[in-house]
């Protein structure tokens, strides 16, 4: 049970511990803009959590290049028929996509914003 707050809320309990290893595990939320030039390109709202723990940081790309995020969007929309084969291979190697028949599909949920007008 936490500390009661106004309007019926409660505070959570926070625990701390002393870390005696070389460096603590890291968690970060990464997008798909890796260079200053990419900031001027149309927005792709891609996000992935990156974990540095027990070697799992090597299971995904160190950073998602904008061109790869463009490819993921194309794959989610139409199977990736127009995507460069080297990009497809790299995305498949890291498990972002999977080939089914002649088409590729993301291995994660992809959602797109649409205008109500």
C-alpha atoms as a PDB file:
ATOM      1  CA  UNK A   1       0.000   0.000   0.000  1.00  0.00           C
ATOM      2  CA  UNK A   2       1.429   3.390  -1.000  1.00  0.00           C
ATOM      3  CA  UNK A   3       1.103   6.909   0.323  1.00  0.00           C
ATOM      4  CA  UNK A   4      -2.373   8.318  -0.329  1.00  0.00           C
ATOM      5  CA  UNK A   5      -2.509  11.351  -2.615  1.00  0.00           C
ATOM      6  CA  UNK A   6      -5.264  13.864  -3.390  1.00  0.00           C
ATOM      7  CA  UNK A   7      -8.231  12.557  -5.423  1.00  0.00           C
ATOM      8  CA  UNK A   8      -7.861   8.960  -4.195  1.00  0.00           C
ATOM      9  CA  UNK A   9      -4.436   8.231  -5.708  1.00  0.00           C
ATOM     10  CA  UNK A  10      -1.521   6.397  -4.104  1.00  0.00           C
ATOM     11  CA  UNK A  11       2.256   6.655  -4.414  1.00  0.00           C
ATOM     12  CA  UNK A  12       4.221   3.646  -5.607  1.00  0.00           C
ATOM     13  CA  UNK A  13       7.108   2.205  -3.654  1.00  0.00           C
ATOM     14  CA  UNK A  14      10.545   2.595  -5.243  1.00  0.00           C
ATOM     15  CA  UNK A  15      13.318   0.142  -4.437  1.00  0.00           C
ATOM     16  CA  UNK A  16      17.023   0.725  -5.058  1.00  0.00           C
ATOM     17  CA  UNK A  17      19.971  -1.621  -5.017  1.00  0.00           C
ATOM     18  CA  UNK A  18      23.753  -1.295  -5.211  1.00  0.00           C
ATOM     19  CA  UNK A  19      25.187  -2.455  -8.545  1.00  0.00           C
ATOM     20  CA  UNK A  20      28.689  -3.923  -8.262  1.00  0.00           C
ATOM     21  CA  UNK A  21      29.291  -4.962 -11.889  1.00  0.00           C
ATOM     22  CA  UNK A  22      31.229  -3.084 -14.590  1.00  0.00           C
ATOM     23  CA  UNK A  23      28.197  -1.093 -15.769  1.00  0.00           C
ATOM     24  CA  UNK A  24      24.441  -1.349 -15.258  1.00  0.00           C
ATOM     25  CA  UNK A  25      22.080  -2.777 -17.853  1.00  0.00           C
ATOM     26  CA  UNK A  26      20.832  -0.088 -20.229  1.00  0.00           C
ATOM     27  CA  UNK A  27      17.382   0.369 -21.747  1.00  0.00           C
ATOM     28  CA  UNK A  28      16.723   3.016 -24.375  1.00  0.00           C
ATOM     29  CA  UNK A  29      13.929   3.925 -26.765  1.00  0.00           C
ATOM     30  CA  UNK A  30      15.345   4.412 -30.257  1.00  0.00           C
ATOM     31  CA  UNK A  31      13.758   5.822 -33.399  1.00  0.00           C
ATOM     32  CA  UNK A  32      14.940   5.733 -37.007  1.00  0.00           C
ATOM     33  CA  UNK A  33      16.827   9.004 -37.463  1.00  0.00           C
ATOM     34  CA  UNK A  34      20.565   8.394 -37.185  1.00  0.00           C
ATOM     35  CA  UNK A  35      21.981  11.438 -38.993  1.00  0.00           C
ATOM     36  CA  UNK A  36      21.194  15.180 -39.004  1.00  0.00           C
ATOM     37  CA  UNK A  37      20.131  14.984 -42.673  1.00  0.00           C
ATOM     38  CA  UNK A  38      17.439  12.413 -41.872  1.00  0.00           C
ATOM     39  CA  UNK A  39      15.667  14.899 -39.577  1.00  0.00           C
ATOM     40  CA  UNK A  40      14.406  16.732 -42.664  1.00  0.00           C
ATOM     41  CA  UNK A  41      12.835  13.634 -44.249  1.00  0.00           C
ATOM     42  CA  UNK A  42       9.131  12.756 -43.834  1.00  0.00           C
ATOM     43  CA  UNK A  43       8.461  11.402 -40.349  1.00  0.00           C
ATOM     44  CA  UNK A  44       8.325   7.657 -39.792  1.00  0.00           C
ATOM     45  CA  UNK A  45       7.067   7.005 -36.284  1.00  0.00           C
ATOM     46  CA  UNK A  46       9.199   3.910 -35.657  1.00  0.00           C
ATOM     47  CA  UNK A  47      10.319   3.126 -32.107  1.00  0.00           C
ATOM     48  CA  UNK A  48      12.121   0.175 -30.579  1.00  0.00           C
ATOM     49  CA  UNK A  49      13.356  -0.478 -27.083  1.00  0.00           C
ATOM     50  CA  UNK A  50      17.022  -1.428 -26.987  1.00  0.00           C
ATOM     51  CA  UNK A  51      18.307  -3.460 -24.053  1.00  0.00           C
ATOM     52  CA  UNK A  52      21.968  -3.869 -23.145  1.00  0.00           C
ATOM     53  CA  UNK A  53      21.803  -6.953 -21.013  1.00  0.00           C
ATOM     54  CA  UNK A  54      23.357 -10.375 -21.342  1.00  0.00           C
ATOM     55  CA  UNK A  55      24.308  -9.864 -24.999  1.00  0.00           C
ATOM     56  CA  UNK A  56      20.764  -9.340 -26.300  1.00  0.00           C
ATOM     57  CA  UNK A  57      21.777  -5.933 -27.696  1.00  0.00           C
ATOM     58  CA  UNK A  58      23.327  -7.819 -30.637  1.00  0.00           C
ATOM     59  CA  UNK A  59      20.010  -9.445 -31.582  1.00  0.00           C
ATOM     60  CA  UNK A  60      18.672  -6.248 -33.205  1.00  0.00           C
ATOM     61  CA  UNK A  61      20.290  -3.552 -35.315  1.00  0.00           C
ATOM     62  CA  UNK A  62      22.404  -1.104 -33.271  1.00  0.00           C
ATOM     63  CA  UNK A  63      20.233   1.665 -34.731  1.00  0.00           C
ATOM     64  CA  UNK A  64      17.449   1.646 -37.304  1.00  0.00           C
ATOM     65  CA  UNK A  65      18.504   3.619 -40.392  1.00  0.00           C
ATOM     66  CA  UNK A  66      15.745   5.735 -41.935  1.00  0.00           C
ATOM     67  CA  UNK A  67      15.903   3.695 -45.173  1.00  0.00           C
ATOM     68  CA  UNK A  68      15.282   0.495 -43.202  1.00  0.00           C
ATOM     69  CA  UNK A  69      12.283   2.060 -41.452  1.00  0.00           C
ATOM     70  CA  UNK A  70      10.968   3.106 -44.889  1.00  0.00           C
ATOM     71  CA  UNK A  71      11.385  -0.504 -45.990  1.00  0.00           C
ATOM     72  CA  UNK A  72       9.531  -1.790 -42.912  1.00  0.00           C
ATOM     73  CA  UNK A  73       6.635   0.568 -43.673  1.00  0.00           C
ATOM     74  CA  UNK A  74       6.533  -0.628 -47.298  1.00  0.00           C
ATOM     75  CA  UNK A  75       6.625  -4.253 -46.165  1.00  0.00           C
ATOM     76  CA  UNK A  76       3.766  -3.690 -43.713  1.00  0.00           C
ATOM     77  CA  UNK A  77       1.695  -1.969 -46.424  1.00  0.00           C
ATOM     78  CA  UNK A  78       2.359  -4.152 -49.468  1.00  0.00           C
ATOM     79  CA  UNK A  79       4.715  -7.042 -48.704  1.00  0.00           C
ATOM     80  CA  UNK A  80       7.871  -5.199 -49.746  1.00  0.00           C
ATOM     81  CA  UNK A  81       7.833  -5.953 -53.459  1.00  0.00           C
ATOM     82  CA  UNK A  82       9.711  -2.701 -54.181  1.00  0.00           C
ATOM     83  CA  UNK A  83      12.284  -2.941 -51.373  1.00  0.00           C
ATOM     84  CA  UNK A  84      15.972  -3.471 -52.127  1.00  0.00           C
ATOM     85  CA  UNK A  85      16.904  -7.137 -51.638  1.00  0.00           C
ATOM     86  CA  UNK A  86      19.963  -6.282 -49.513  1.00  0.00           C
ATOM     87  CA  UNK A  87      17.711  -4.346 -47.108  1.00  0.00           C
ATOM     88  CA  UNK A  88      15.234  -7.232 -47.036  1.00  0.00           C
ATOM     89  CA  UNK A  89      18.039  -9.680 -46.217  1.00  0.00           C
ATOM     90  CA  UNK A  90      19.365  -7.499 -43.398  1.00  0.00           C
ATOM     91  CA  UNK A  91      15.913  -6.964 -41.859  1.00  0.00           C
ATOM     92  CA  UNK A  92      15.181 -10.692 -42.099  1.00  0.00           C
ATOM     93  CA  UNK A  93      18.578 -11.587 -40.601  1.00  0.00           C
ATOM     94  CA  UNK A  94      17.746  -9.531 -37.494  1.00  0.00           C
ATOM     95  CA  UNK A  95      14.195 -10.870 -37.262  1.00  0.00           C
ATOM     96  CA  UNK A  96      12.265  -7.695 -38.098  1.00  0.00           C
ATOM     97  CA  UNK A  97      10.555  -9.409 -41.042  1.00  0.00           C
ATOM     98  CA  UNK A  98       9.708 -12.920 -42.224  1.00  0.00           C
ATOM     99  CA  UNK A  99       9.149 -14.201 -45.756  1.00  0.00           C
ATOM    100  CA  UNK A 100       5.915 -16.043 -46.436  1.00  0.00           C
ATOM    101  CA  UNK A 101       5.588 -17.211 -50.031  1.00  0.00           C
ATOM    102  CA  UNK A 102       6.659 -14.295 -52.231  1.00  0.00           C
ATOM    103  CA  UNK A 103       5.867 -11.584 -49.671  1.00  0.00           C
ATOM    104  CA  UNK A 104       7.541 -10.321 -46.529  1.00  0.00           C
ATOM    105  CA  UNK A 105       5.696  -9.458 -43.325  1.00  0.00           C
ATOM    106  CA  UNK A 106       6.775  -7.625 -40.172  1.00  0.00           C
ATOM    107  CA  UNK A 107       7.269  -9.822 -37.118  1.00  0.00           C
ATOM    108  CA  UNK A 108       5.758  -7.129 -34.904  1.00  0.00           C
ATOM    109  CA  UNK A 109       2.620  -5.025 -34.841  1.00  0.00           C
ATOM    110  CA  UNK A 110       2.658  -2.176 -37.383  1.00  0.00           C
ATOM    111  CA  UNK A 111       0.027   0.557 -37.168  1.00  0.00           C
ATOM    112  CA  UNK A 112      -0.481   3.567 -39.401  1.00  0.00           C
ATOM    113  CA  UNK A 113      -2.107   6.883 -38.609  1.00  0.00           C
ATOM    114  CA  UNK A 114      -4.937   7.905 -40.894  1.00  0.00           C
ATOM    115  CA  UNK A 115      -6.732  11.181 -41.144  1.00  0.00           C
ATOM    116  CA  UNK A 116     -10.434  11.141 -40.239  1.00  0.00           C
ATOM    117  CA  UNK A 117     -11.089  13.599 -43.104  1.00  0.00           C
END
